[in-house]
């Protein structure tokens, strides 16, 4: 079961990474972000694309033997909790208009982080 949890998280990151590389503007559009030029598109490709695919690869290896990759799973879980925490702190300044995308991804991050902790 732990391998399935880790593999599912890997697929999520892989999907995000591939989408960011293929359609960077499409990835950030639900957040109301427009990418004005090549520098902006390349930033999304790097941060969401390259990072997402790297994390997917790390989790893909960890899915083969989660117990042997406890540290890696902890690191990704902490990163996901950090992203969710950033959303909470941003809530002090800004108030999202609707559940999707901000709160949807908040719960995805919290849930995936918690599942990775359980899987390790």
PDB file of N, CA and C in Angstrom:
ATOM      1  N   UNK A   1       0.817  -1.197   0.000  1.00  0.00           N
ATOM      2  CA  UNK A   1       0.000   0.000   0.000  1.00  0.00           C
ATOM      3  C   UNK A   1       0.866   1.270   0.000  1.00  0.00           C
ATOM      4  N   UNK A   2       1.963   1.253   0.764  1.00  0.00           N
ATOM      5  CA  UNK A   2       2.827   2.428   0.821  1.00  0.00           C
ATOM      6  C   UNK A   2       3.401   2.772  -0.547  1.00  0.00           C
ATOM      7  N   UNK A   3       3.753   1.750  -1.309  1.00  0.00           N
ATOM      8  CA  UNK A   3       4.289   1.990  -2.652  1.00  0.00           C
ATOM      9  C   UNK A   3       3.258   2.650  -3.543  1.00  0.00           C
ATOM     10  N   UNK A   4       2.001   2.288  -3.383  1.00  0.00           N
ATOM     11  CA  UNK A   4       0.920   2.878  -4.185  1.00  0.00           C
ATOM     12  C   UNK A   4       0.756   4.357  -3.840  1.00  0.00           C
ATOM     13  N   UNK A   5       0.826   4.689  -2.562  1.00  0.00           N
ATOM     14  CA  UNK A   5       0.717   6.086  -2.129  1.00  0.00           C
ATOM     15  C   UNK A   5       1.852   6.911  -2.725  1.00  0.00           C
ATOM     16  N   UNK A   6       3.057   6.403  -2.631  1.00  0.00           N
ATOM     17  CA  UNK A   6       4.216   7.137  -3.137  1.00  0.00           C
ATOM     18  C   UNK A   6       4.146   7.255  -4.660  1.00  0.00           C
ATOM     19  N   UNK A   7       3.739   6.182  -5.330  1.00  0.00           N
ATOM     20  CA  UNK A   7       3.610   6.225  -6.787  1.00  0.00           C
ATOM     21  C   UNK A   7       2.543   7.229  -7.220  1.00  0.00           C
ATOM     22  N   UNK A   8       1.447   7.316  -6.480  1.00  0.00           N
ATOM     23  CA  UNK A   8       0.398   8.286  -6.809  1.00  0.00           C
ATOM     24  C   UNK A   8       0.921   9.714  -6.675  1.00  0.00           C
ATOM     25  N   UNK A   9       1.691   9.968  -5.638  1.00  0.00           N
ATOM     26  CA  UNK A   9       2.294  11.300  -5.476  1.00  0.00           C
ATOM     27  C   UNK A   9       3.275  11.585  -6.617  1.00  0.00           C
ATOM     28  N   UNK A  10       4.022  10.566  -7.020  1.00  0.00           N
ATOM     29  CA  UNK A  10       4.956  10.730  -8.141  1.00  0.00           C
ATOM     30  C   UNK A  10       4.205  11.089  -9.414  1.00  0.00           C
ATOM     31  N   UNK A  11       3.089  10.433  -9.669  1.00  0.00           N
ATOM     32  CA  UNK A  11       2.294  10.722 -10.868  1.00  0.00           C
ATOM     33  C   UNK A  11       1.737  12.144 -10.844  1.00  0.00           C
ATOM     34  N   UNK A  12       1.331  12.607  -9.661  1.00  0.00           N
ATOM     35  CA  UNK A  12       0.835  13.981  -9.537  1.00  0.00           C
ATOM     36  C   UNK A  12       1.938  14.972  -9.922  1.00  0.00           C
ATOM     37  N   UNK A  13       3.128  14.785  -9.369  1.00  0.00           N
ATOM     38  CA  UNK A  13       4.237  15.689  -9.686  1.00  0.00           C
ATOM     39  C   UNK A  13       4.644  15.572 -11.153  1.00  0.00           C
ATOM     40  N   UNK A  14       4.618  14.362 -11.685  1.00  0.00           N
ATOM     41  CA  UNK A  14       4.958  14.176 -13.089  1.00  0.00           C
ATOM     42  C   UNK A  14       3.960  14.910 -13.987  1.00  0.00           C
ATOM     43  N   UNK A  15       2.675  14.778 -13.683  1.00  0.00           N
ATOM     44  CA  UNK A  15       1.660  15.477 -14.468  1.00  0.00           C
ATOM     45  C   UNK A  15       1.834  16.983 -14.414  1.00  0.00           C
ATOM     46  N   UNK A  16       2.082  17.507 -13.218  1.00  0.00           N
ATOM     47  CA  UNK A  16       2.309  18.940 -13.076  1.00  0.00           C
ATOM     48  C   UNK A  16       3.531  19.370 -13.868  1.00  0.00           C
ATOM     49  N   UNK A  17       4.592  18.600 -13.785  1.00  0.00           N
ATOM     50  CA  UNK A  17       5.829  18.947 -14.479  1.00  0.00           C
ATOM     51  C   UNK A  17       5.673  18.934 -15.982  1.00  0.00           C
ATOM     52  N   UNK A  18       5.047  17.913 -16.502  1.00  0.00           N
ATOM     53  CA  UNK A  18       4.847  17.818 -17.948  1.00  0.00           C
ATOM     54  C   UNK A  18       3.947  18.940 -18.439  1.00  0.00           C
ATOM     55  N   UNK A  19       2.867  19.213 -17.719  1.00  0.00           N
ATOM     56  CA  UNK A  19       1.974  20.302 -18.109  1.00  0.00           C
ATOM     57  C   UNK A  19       2.709  21.641 -18.089  1.00  0.00           C
ATOM     58  N   UNK A  20       3.532  21.860 -17.076  1.00  0.00           N
ATOM     59  CA  UNK A  20       4.275  23.121 -16.988  1.00  0.00           C
ATOM     60  C   UNK A  20       5.234  23.287 -18.154  1.00  0.00           C
ATOM     61  N   UNK A  21       5.856  22.208 -18.580  1.00  0.00           N
ATOM     62  CA  UNK A  21       6.774  22.293 -19.710  1.00  0.00           C
ATOM     63  C   UNK A  21       6.023  22.464 -21.032  1.00  0.00           C
ATOM     64  N   UNK A  22       4.895  21.780 -21.164  1.00  0.00           N
ATOM     65  CA  UNK A  22       4.143  21.817 -22.420  1.00  0.00           C
ATOM     66  C   UNK A  22       3.287  23.073 -22.570  1.00  0.00           C
ATOM     67  N   UNK A  23       2.661  23.480 -21.476  1.00  0.00           N
ATOM     68  CA  UNK A  23       1.743  24.625 -21.513  1.00  0.00           C
ATOM     69  C   UNK A  23       1.883  25.453 -20.237  1.00  0.00           C
ATOM     70  N   UNK A  24       2.978  26.177 -20.082  1.00  0.00           N
ATOM     71  CA  UNK A  24       3.200  26.918 -18.836  1.00  0.00           C
ATOM     72  C   UNK A  24       2.073  27.894 -18.512  1.00  0.00           C
ATOM     73  N   UNK A  25       1.558  28.588 -19.506  1.00  0.00           N
ATOM     74  CA  UNK A  25       0.475  29.542 -19.245  1.00  0.00           C
ATOM     75  C   UNK A  25      -0.788  28.825 -18.781  1.00  0.00           C
ATOM     76  N   UNK A  26      -1.035  27.645 -19.326  1.00  0.00           N
ATOM     77  CA  UNK A  26      -2.208  26.875 -18.930  1.00  0.00           C
ATOM     78  C   UNK A  26      -2.137  26.406 -17.490  1.00  0.00           C
ATOM     79  N   UNK A  27      -0.932  26.119 -17.018  1.00  0.00           N
ATOM     80  CA  UNK A  27      -0.774  25.647 -15.648  1.00  0.00           C
ATOM     81  C   UNK A  27      -1.147  26.724 -14.633  1.00  0.00           C
ATOM     82  N   UNK A  28      -0.755  27.959 -14.889  1.00  0.00           N
ATOM     83  CA  UNK A  28      -0.985  29.019 -13.908  1.00  0.00           C
ATOM     84  C   UNK A  28      -2.251  29.824 -14.170  1.00  0.00           C
ATOM     85  N   UNK A  29      -2.913  29.600 -15.288  1.00  0.00           N
ATOM     86  CA  UNK A  29      -4.127  30.359 -15.624  1.00  0.00           C
ATOM     87  C   UNK A  29      -5.230  30.264 -14.566  1.00  0.00           C
ATOM     88  N   UNK A  30      -5.480  29.095 -13.944  1.00  0.00           N
ATOM     89  CA  UNK A  30      -6.535  29.043 -12.928  1.00  0.00           C
ATOM     90  C   UNK A  30      -6.298  29.985 -11.743  1.00  0.00           C
ATOM     91  N   UNK A  31      -5.051  30.415 -11.546  1.00  0.00           N
ATOM     92  CA  UNK A  31      -4.728  31.322 -10.457  1.00  0.00           C
ATOM     93  C   UNK A  31      -4.819  32.785 -10.883  1.00  0.00           C
ATOM     94  N   UNK A  32      -5.213  33.023 -12.128  1.00  0.00           N
ATOM     95  CA  UNK A  32      -5.312  34.392 -12.626  1.00  0.00           C
ATOM     96  C   UNK A  32      -3.975  34.976 -13.015  1.00  0.00           C
ATOM     97  N   UNK A  33      -2.991  34.136 -13.242  1.00  0.00           N
ATOM     98  CA  UNK A  33      -1.653  34.586 -13.609  1.00  0.00           C
ATOM     99  C   UNK A  33      -1.526  34.527 -15.128  1.00  0.00           C
ATOM    100  N   UNK A  34      -1.066  35.616 -15.713  1.00  0.00           N
ATOM    101  CA  UNK A  34      -0.769  35.588 -17.144  1.00  0.00           C
ATOM    102  C   UNK A  34       0.743  35.721 -17.311  1.00  0.00           C
ATOM    103  N   UNK A  35       1.263  35.004 -18.264  1.00  0.00           N
ATOM    104  CA  UNK A  35       2.701  35.000 -18.507  1.00  0.00           C
ATOM    105  C   UNK A  35       2.984  35.908 -19.695  1.00  0.00           C
ATOM    106  N   UNK A  36       3.556  37.059 -19.411  1.00  0.00           N
ATOM    107  CA  UNK A  36       3.695  38.112 -20.414  1.00  0.00           C
ATOM    108  C   UNK A  36       4.798  37.863 -21.432  1.00  0.00           C
ATOM    109  N   UNK A  37       5.779  37.086 -21.119  1.00  0.00           N
ATOM    110  CA  UNK A  37       6.881  36.926 -22.055  1.00  0.00           C
ATOM    111  C   UNK A  37       7.656  35.661 -21.821  1.00  0.00           C
ATOM    112  N   UNK A  38       8.720  35.472 -22.575  1.00  0.00           N
ATOM    113  CA  UNK A  38       9.496  34.237 -22.469  1.00  0.00           C
ATOM    114  C   UNK A  38      10.140  34.039 -21.099  1.00  0.00           C
ATOM    115  N   UNK A  39      10.548  35.101 -20.438  1.00  0.00           N
ATOM    116  CA  UNK A  39      11.152  34.942 -19.108  1.00  0.00           C
ATOM    117  C   UNK A  39      10.144  34.354 -18.122  1.00  0.00           C
ATOM    118  N   UNK A  40       8.918  34.825 -18.171  1.00  0.00           N
ATOM    119  CA  UNK A  40       7.872  34.321 -17.283  1.00  0.00           C
ATOM    120  C   UNK A  40       7.569  32.855 -17.592  1.00  0.00           C
ATOM    121  N   UNK A  41       7.457  32.523 -18.881  1.00  0.00           N
ATOM    122  CA  UNK A  41       7.191  31.131 -19.256  1.00  0.00           C
ATOM    123  C   UNK A  41       8.340  30.213 -18.830  1.00  0.00           C
ATOM    124  N   UNK A  42       9.569  30.672 -19.003  1.00  0.00           N
ATOM    125  CA  UNK A  42      10.714  29.859 -18.593  1.00  0.00           C
ATOM    126  C   UNK A  42      10.764  29.657 -17.085  1.00  0.00           C
ATOM    127  N   UNK A  43      10.333  30.650 -16.333  1.00  0.00           N
ATOM    128  CA  UNK A  43      10.292  30.504 -14.871  1.00  0.00           C
ATOM    129  C   UNK A  43       9.308  29.406 -14.464  1.00  0.00           C
ATOM    130  N   UNK A  44       8.145  29.384 -15.092  1.00  0.00           N
ATOM    131  CA  UNK A  44       7.163  28.333 -14.799  1.00  0.00           C
ATOM    132  C   UNK A  44       7.708  26.973 -15.227  1.00  0.00           C
ATOM    133  N   UNK A  45       8.360  26.930 -16.385  1.00  0.00           N
ATOM    134  CA  UNK A  45       8.970  25.674 -16.843  1.00  0.00           C
ATOM    135  C   UNK A  45       9.996  25.169 -15.834  1.00  0.00           C
ATOM    136  N   UNK A  46      10.785  26.062 -15.286  1.00  0.00           N
ATOM    137  CA  UNK A  46      11.824  25.663 -14.336  1.00  0.00           C
ATOM    138  C   UNK A  46      11.235  25.240 -13.000  1.00  0.00           C
ATOM    139  N   UNK A  47      10.419  26.107 -12.411  1.00  0.00           N
ATOM    140  CA  UNK A  47       9.948  25.871 -11.045  1.00  0.00           C
ATOM    141  C   UNK A  47       8.900  24.769 -10.988  1.00  0.00           C
ATOM    142  N   UNK A  48       7.940  24.795 -11.880  1.00  0.00           N
ATOM    143  CA  UNK A  48       6.888  23.778 -11.863  1.00  0.00           C
ATOM    144  C   UNK A  48       7.256  22.578 -12.732  1.00  0.00           C
ATOM    145  N   UNK A  49       7.892  22.836 -13.868  1.00  0.00           N
ATOM    146  CA  UNK A  49       8.235  21.754 -14.782  1.00  0.00           C
ATOM    147  C   UNK A  49       9.424  20.947 -14.324  1.00  0.00           C
ATOM    148  N   UNK A  50      10.580  21.577 -14.285  1.00  0.00           N
ATOM    149  CA  UNK A  50      11.794  20.864 -13.908  1.00  0.00           C
ATOM    150  C   UNK A  50      11.745  20.318 -12.495  1.00  0.00           C
ATOM    151  N   UNK A  51      11.302  21.133 -11.566  1.00  0.00           N
ATOM    152  CA  UNK A  51      11.204  20.687 -10.171  1.00  0.00           C
ATOM    153  C   UNK A  51      10.190  19.561 -10.037  1.00  0.00           C
ATOM    154  N   UNK A  52       9.035  19.717 -10.679  1.00  0.00           N
ATOM    155  CA  UNK A  52       8.001  18.680 -10.597  1.00  0.00           C
ATOM    156  C   UNK A  52       8.481  17.348 -11.129  1.00  0.00           C
ATOM    157  N   UNK A  53       9.170  17.362 -12.259  1.00  0.00           N
ATOM    158  CA  UNK A  53       9.670  16.118 -12.837  1.00  0.00           C
ATOM    159  C   UNK A  53      10.789  15.521 -11.976  1.00  0.00           C
ATOM    160  N   UNK A  54      11.639  16.367 -11.401  1.00  0.00           N
ATOM    161  CA  UNK A  54      12.687  15.866 -10.510  1.00  0.00           C
ATOM    162  C   UNK A  54      12.084  15.199  -9.272  1.00  0.00           C
ATOM    163  N   UNK A  55      11.072  15.819  -8.690  1.00  0.00           N
ATOM    164  CA  UNK A  55      10.415  15.224  -7.520  1.00  0.00           C
ATOM    165  C   UNK A  55       9.698  13.936  -7.921  1.00  0.00           C
ATOM    166  N   UNK A  56       9.092  13.920  -9.111  1.00  0.00           N
ATOM    167  CA  UNK A  56       8.441  12.699  -9.592  1.00  0.00           C
ATOM    168  C   UNK A  56       9.456  11.561  -9.717  1.00  0.00           C
ATOM    169  N   UNK A  57      10.628  11.863 -10.230  1.00  0.00           N
ATOM    170  CA  UNK A  57      11.670  10.840 -10.357  1.00  0.00           C
ATOM    171  C   UNK A  57      12.109  10.339  -8.984  1.00  0.00           C
ATOM    172  N   UNK A  58      12.311  11.261  -8.062  1.00  0.00           N
ATOM    173  CA  UNK A  58      12.700  10.893  -6.701  1.00  0.00           C
ATOM    174  C   UNK A  58      11.645   9.997  -6.069  1.00  0.00           C
ATOM    175  N   UNK A  59      10.376  10.388  -6.199  1.00  0.00           N
ATOM    176  CA  UNK A  59       9.296   9.589  -5.624  1.00  0.00           C
ATOM    177  C   UNK A  59       9.124   8.269  -6.365  1.00  0.00           C
ATOM    178  N   UNK A  60       9.385   8.272  -7.669  1.00  0.00           N
ATOM    179  CA  UNK A  60       9.299   7.023  -8.419  1.00  0.00           C
ATOM    180  C   UNK A  60      10.286   5.988  -7.910  1.00  0.00           C
ATOM    181  N   UNK A  61      11.504   6.417  -7.622  1.00  0.00           N
ATOM    182  CA  UNK A  61      12.500   5.518  -7.043  1.00  0.00           C
ATOM    183  C   UNK A  61      12.062   5.106  -5.634  1.00  0.00           C
ATOM    184  N   UNK A  62      11.577   6.058  -4.865  1.00  0.00           N
ATOM    185  CA  UNK A  62      11.153   5.767  -3.487  1.00  0.00           C
ATOM    186  C   UNK A  62       9.970   4.805  -3.452  1.00  0.00           C
ATOM    187  N   UNK A  63       9.136   4.826  -4.486  1.00  0.00           N
ATOM    188  CA  UNK A  63       7.974   3.931  -4.526  1.00  0.00           C
ATOM    189  C   UNK A  63       8.397   2.464  -4.592  1.00  0.00           C
ATOM    190  N   UNK A  64       9.587   2.200  -5.105  1.00  0.00           N
ATOM    191  CA  UNK A  64      10.069   0.821  -5.195  1.00  0.00           C
ATOM    192  C   UNK A  64      10.320   0.217  -3.822  1.00  0.00           C
ATOM    193  N   UNK A  65      10.743   1.062  -2.877  1.00  0.00           N
ATOM    194  CA  UNK A  65      11.008   0.600  -1.507  1.00  0.00           C
ATOM    195  C   UNK A  65      10.897   1.796  -0.562  1.00  0.00           C
ATOM    196  N   UNK A  66       9.664   2.173  -0.189  1.00  0.00           N
ATOM    197  CA  UNK A  66       9.479   3.375   0.642  1.00  0.00           C
ATOM    198  C   UNK A  66      10.283   3.360   1.941  1.00  0.00           C
ATOM    199  N   UNK A  67      10.409   2.214   2.563  1.00  0.00           N
ATOM    200  CA  UNK A  67      11.134   2.152   3.840  1.00  0.00           C
ATOM    201  C   UNK A  67      12.603   2.517   3.674  1.00  0.00           C
ATOM    202  N   UNK A  68      13.172   2.253   2.511  1.00  0.00           N
ATOM    203  CA  UNK A  68      14.574   2.575   2.268  1.00  0.00           C
ATOM    204  C   UNK A  68      14.779   4.038   1.886  1.00  0.00           C
ATOM    205  N   UNK A  69      13.684   4.751   1.676  1.00  0.00           N
ATOM    206  CA  UNK A  69      13.756   6.153   1.237  1.00  0.00           C
ATOM    207  C   UNK A  69      12.963   7.069   2.167  1.00  0.00           C
ATOM    208  N   UNK A  70      13.023   6.751   3.445  1.00  0.00           N
ATOM    209  CA  UNK A  70      12.263   7.525   4.437  1.00  0.00           C
ATOM    210  C   UNK A  70      12.647   8.994   4.429  1.00  0.00           C
ATOM    211  N   UNK A  71      13.921   9.288   4.307  1.00  0.00           N
ATOM    212  CA  UNK A  71      14.381  10.676   4.312  1.00  0.00           C
ATOM    213  C   UNK A  71      13.847  11.462   3.131  1.00  0.00           C
ATOM    214  N   UNK A  72      13.852  10.845   1.961  1.00  0.00           N
ATOM    215  CA  UNK A  72      13.336  11.510   0.768  1.00  0.00           C
ATOM    216  C   UNK A  72      11.840  11.790   0.900  1.00  0.00           C
ATOM    217  N   UNK A  73      11.113  10.798   1.432  1.00  0.00           N
ATOM    218  CA  UNK A  73       9.673  10.993   1.613  1.00  0.00           C
ATOM    219  C   UNK A  73       9.391  12.092   2.632  1.00  0.00           C
ATOM    220  N   UNK A  74      10.186  12.134   3.685  1.00  0.00           N
ATOM    221  CA  UNK A  74      10.041  13.204   4.666  1.00  0.00           C
ATOM    222  C   UNK A  74      10.311  14.563   4.030  1.00  0.00           C
ATOM    223  N   UNK A  75      11.356  14.657   3.214  1.00  0.00           N
ATOM    224  CA  UNK A  75      11.699  15.932   2.573  1.00  0.00           C
ATOM    225  C   UNK A  75      10.574  16.417   1.663  1.00  0.00           C
ATOM    226  N   UNK A  76       9.990  15.519   0.881  1.00  0.00           N
ATOM    227  CA  UNK A  76       8.891  15.930  -0.008  1.00  0.00           C
ATOM    228  C   UNK A  76       7.661  16.294   0.814  1.00  0.00           C
ATOM    229  N   UNK A  77       7.379  15.543   1.872  1.00  0.00           N
ATOM    230  CA  UNK A  77       6.242  15.874   2.737  1.00  0.00           C
ATOM    231  C   UNK A  77       6.422  17.262   3.349  1.00  0.00           C
ATOM    232  N   UNK A  78       7.613  17.556   3.838  1.00  0.00           N
ATOM    233  CA  UNK A  78       7.881  18.874   4.427  1.00  0.00           C
ATOM    234  C   UNK A  78       7.714  19.973   3.382  1.00  0.00           C
ATOM    235  N   UNK A  79       8.186  19.717   2.155  1.00  0.00           N
ATOM    236  CA  UNK A  79       8.014  20.708   1.086  1.00  0.00           C
ATOM    237  C   UNK A  79       6.531  20.958   0.804  1.00  0.00           C
ATOM    238  N   UNK A  80       5.737  19.894   0.766  1.00  0.00           N
ATOM    239  CA  UNK A  80       4.293  20.058   0.542  1.00  0.00           C
ATOM    240  C   UNK A  80       3.640  20.829   1.692  1.00  0.00           C
ATOM    241  N   UNK A  81       4.028  20.525   2.919  1.00  0.00           N
ATOM    242  CA  UNK A  81       3.493  21.271   4.062  1.00  0.00           C
ATOM    243  C   UNK A  81       3.927  22.734   4.003  1.00  0.00           C
ATOM    244  N   UNK A  82       5.135  22.976   3.515  1.00  0.00           N
ATOM    245  CA  UNK A  82       5.588  24.357   3.352  1.00  0.00           C
ATOM    246  C   UNK A  82       4.747  25.111   2.342  1.00  0.00           C
ATOM    247  N   UNK A  83       4.392  24.455   1.245  1.00  0.00           N
ATOM    248  CA  UNK A  83       3.536  25.094   0.249  1.00  0.00           C
ATOM    249  C   UNK A  83       2.166  25.405   0.855  1.00  0.00           C
ATOM    250  N   UNK A  84       1.602  24.444   1.567  1.00  0.00           N
ATOM    251  CA  UNK A  84       0.301  24.661   2.210  1.00  0.00           C
ATOM    252  C   UNK A  84       0.406  25.778   3.248  1.00  0.00           C
ATOM    253  N   UNK A  85       1.499  25.810   3.991  1.00  0.00           N
ATOM    254  CA  UNK A  85       1.706  26.874   4.978  1.00  0.00           C
ATOM    255  C   UNK A  85       1.801  28.239   4.327  1.00  0.00           C
ATOM    256  N   UNK A  86       2.446  28.297   3.175  1.00  0.00           N
ATOM    257  CA  UNK A  86       2.520  29.556   2.438  1.00  0.00           C
ATOM    258  C   UNK A  86       1.141  30.038   2.028  1.00  0.00           C
ATOM    259  N   UNK A  87       0.277  29.114   1.651  1.00  0.00           N
ATOM    260  CA  UNK A  87      -1.103  29.496   1.308  1.00  0.00           C
ATOM    261  C   UNK A  87      -1.824  30.055   2.540  1.00  0.00           C
ATOM    262  N   UNK A  88      -1.621  29.412   3.691  1.00  0.00           N
ATOM    263  CA  UNK A  88      -2.261  29.907   4.916  1.00  0.00           C
ATOM    264  C   UNK A  88      -1.746  31.296   5.292  1.00  0.00           C
ATOM    265  N   UNK A  89      -0.440  31.485   5.215  1.00  0.00           N
ATOM    266  CA  UNK A  89       0.117  32.797   5.538  1.00  0.00           C
ATOM    267  C   UNK A  89      -0.351  33.855   4.539  1.00  0.00           C
ATOM    268  N   UNK A  90      -0.443  33.483   3.278  1.00  0.00           N
ATOM    269  CA  UNK A  90      -0.955  34.409   2.270  1.00  0.00           C
ATOM    270  C   UNK A  90      -2.400  34.797   2.534  1.00  0.00           C
ATOM    271  N   UNK A  91      -3.128  33.912   3.187  1.00  0.00           N
ATOM    272  CA  UNK A  91      -4.537  34.173   3.535  1.00  0.00           C
ATOM    273  C   UNK A  91      -4.659  35.362   4.482  1.00  0.00           C
ATOM    274  N   UNK A  92      -3.614  35.633   5.249  1.00  0.00           N
ATOM    275  CA  UNK A  92      -3.637  36.798   6.145  1.00  0.00           C
ATOM    276  C   UNK A  92      -3.748  38.080   5.323  1.00  0.00           C
ATOM    277  N   UNK A  93      -3.080  38.106   4.183  1.00  0.00           N
ATOM    278  CA  UNK A  93      -3.066  39.287   3.328  1.00  0.00           C
ATOM    279  C   UNK A  93      -4.197  39.288   2.303  1.00  0.00           C
ATOM    280  N   UNK A  94      -4.426  38.147   1.699  1.00  0.00           N
ATOM    281  CA  UNK A  94      -5.388  38.047   0.603  1.00  0.00           C
ATOM    282  C   UNK A  94      -6.454  37.018   0.919  1.00  0.00           C
ATOM    283  N   UNK A  95      -7.622  37.241   0.376  1.00  0.00           N
ATOM    284  CA  UNK A  95      -8.732  36.313   0.581  1.00  0.00           C
ATOM    285  C   UNK A  95      -9.188  35.775  -0.774  1.00  0.00           C
ATOM    286  N   UNK A  96      -8.928  34.478  -1.021  1.00  0.00           N
ATOM    287  CA  UNK A  96      -9.353  33.900  -2.297  1.00  0.00           C
ATOM    288  C   UNK A  96     -10.869  33.996  -2.461  1.00  0.00           C
ATOM    289  N   UNK A  97     -11.287  34.189  -3.693  1.00  0.00           N
ATOM    290  CA  UNK A  97     -12.711  34.343  -3.992  1.00  0.00           C
ATOM    291  C   UNK A  97     -13.483  33.032  -3.957  1.00  0.00           C
ATOM    292  N   UNK A  98     -12.789  31.928  -4.222  1.00  0.00           N
ATOM    293  CA  UNK A  98     -13.489  30.659  -4.356  1.00  0.00           C
ATOM    294  C   UNK A  98     -12.593  29.514  -3.871  1.00  0.00           C
ATOM    295  N   UNK A  99     -13.173  28.331  -3.770  1.00  0.00           N
ATOM    296  CA  UNK A  99     -12.441  27.160  -3.289  1.00  0.00           C
ATOM    297  C   UNK A  99     -11.331  26.756  -4.256  1.00  0.00           C
ATOM    298  N   UNK A 100     -11.653  26.695  -5.553  1.00  0.00           N
ATOM    299  CA  UNK A 100     -10.654  26.316  -6.561  1.00  0.00           C
ATOM    300  C   UNK A 100     -10.067  27.565  -7.167  1.00  0.00           C
ATOM    301  N   UNK A 101      -8.771  27.674  -7.286  1.00  0.00           N
ATOM    302  CA  UNK A 101      -7.748  26.648  -7.117  1.00  0.00           C
ATOM    303  C   UNK A 101      -7.026  26.676  -5.776  1.00  0.00           C
ATOM    304  N   UNK A 102      -7.083  27.789  -5.047  1.00  0.00           N
ATOM    305  CA  UNK A 102      -6.215  27.961  -3.876  1.00  0.00           C
ATOM    306  C   UNK A 102      -6.472  26.915  -2.806  1.00  0.00           C
ATOM    307  N   UNK A 103      -7.721  26.805  -2.353  1.00  0.00           N
ATOM    308  CA  UNK A 103      -7.993  25.876  -1.260  1.00  0.00           C
ATOM    309  C   UNK A 103      -7.988  24.436  -1.732  1.00  0.00           C
ATOM    310  N   UNK A 104      -8.321  24.190  -2.971  1.00  0.00           N
ATOM    311  CA  UNK A 104      -8.210  22.843  -3.526  1.00  0.00           C
ATOM    312  C   UNK A 104      -6.772  22.350  -3.411  1.00  0.00           C
ATOM    313  N   UNK A 105      -5.824  23.168  -3.877  1.00  0.00           N
ATOM    314  CA  UNK A 105      -4.424  22.752  -3.830  1.00  0.00           C
ATOM    315  C   UNK A 105      -3.874  22.760  -2.411  1.00  0.00           C
ATOM    316  N   UNK A 106      -4.394  23.594  -1.548  1.00  0.00           N
ATOM    317  CA  UNK A 106      -4.021  23.545  -0.133  1.00  0.00           C
ATOM    318  C   UNK A 106      -4.304  22.146   0.413  1.00  0.00           C
ATOM    319  N   UNK A 107      -5.506  21.638   0.170  1.00  0.00           N
ATOM    320  CA  UNK A 107      -5.882  20.322   0.690  1.00  0.00           C
ATOM    321  C   UNK A 107      -5.139  19.204  -0.025  1.00  0.00           C
ATOM    322  N   UNK A 108      -4.834  19.370  -1.298  1.00  0.00           N
ATOM    323  CA  UNK A 108      -4.003  18.387  -2.005  1.00  0.00           C
ATOM    324  C   UNK A 108      -2.627  18.315  -1.348  1.00  0.00           C
ATOM    325  N   UNK A 109      -2.040  19.474  -1.062  1.00  0.00           N
ATOM    326  CA  UNK A 109      -0.716  19.517  -0.446  1.00  0.00           C
ATOM    327  C   UNK A 109      -0.724  18.917   0.956  1.00  0.00           C
ATOM    328  N   UNK A 110      -1.706  19.270   1.760  1.00  0.00           N
ATOM    329  CA  UNK A 110      -1.799  18.725   3.121  1.00  0.00           C
ATOM    330  C   UNK A 110      -2.026  17.223   3.059  1.00  0.00           C
ATOM    331  N   UNK A 111      -2.951  16.795   2.210  1.00  0.00           N
ATOM    332  CA  UNK A 111      -3.251  15.367   2.106  1.00  0.00           C
ATOM    333  C   UNK A 111      -2.073  14.561   1.591  1.00  0.00           C
ATOM    334  N   UNK A 112      -1.439  15.039   0.542  1.00  0.00           N
ATOM    335  CA  UNK A 112      -0.295  14.307  -0.010  1.00  0.00           C
ATOM    336  C   UNK A 112       0.862  14.279   0.985  1.00  0.00           C
ATOM    337  N   UNK A 113       1.111  15.393   1.657  1.00  0.00           N
ATOM    338  CA  UNK A 113       2.166  15.417   2.669  1.00  0.00           C
ATOM    339  C   UNK A 113       1.898  14.423   3.782  1.00  0.00           C
ATOM    340  N   UNK A 114       0.654  14.380   4.255  1.00  0.00           N
ATOM    341  CA  UNK A 114       0.285  13.443   5.327  1.00  0.00           C
ATOM    342  C   UNK A 114       0.420  11.996   4.863  1.00  0.00           C
ATOM    343  N   UNK A 115      -0.022  11.720   3.644  1.00  0.00           N
ATOM    344  CA  UNK A 115       0.095  10.354   3.124  1.00  0.00           C
ATOM    345  C   UNK A 115       1.555   9.923   2.971  1.00  0.00           C
ATOM    346  N   UNK A 116       2.415  10.859   2.536  1.00  0.00           N
ATOM    347  CA  UNK A 116       3.834  10.506   2.423  1.00  0.00           C
ATOM    348  C   UNK A 116       4.451  10.240   3.791  1.00  0.00           C
ATOM    349  N   UNK A 117       3.996  10.947   4.809  1.00  0.00           N
ATOM    350  CA  UNK A 117       4.493  10.669   6.160  1.00  0.00           C
ATOM    351  C   UNK A 117       4.063   9.277   6.610  1.00  0.00           C
ATOM    352  N   UNK A 118       2.823   8.917   6.303  1.00  0.00           N
ATOM    353  CA  UNK A 118       2.324   7.591   6.670  1.00  0.00           C
ATOM    354  C   UNK A 118       3.074   6.505   5.900  1.00  0.00           C
ATOM    355  N   UNK A 119       3.372   6.780   4.627  1.00  0.00           N
ATOM    356  CA  UNK A 119       4.026   5.788   3.760  1.00  0.00           C
ATOM    357  C   UNK A 119       5.476   5.530   4.145  1.00  0.00           C
ATOM    358  N   UNK A 120       6.086   6.449   4.854  1.00  0.00           N
ATOM    359  CA  UNK A 120       7.504   6.270   5.176  1.00  0.00           C
ATOM    360  C   UNK A 120       7.645   5.386   6.375  1.00  0.00           C
TER     361      UNK A 120
END
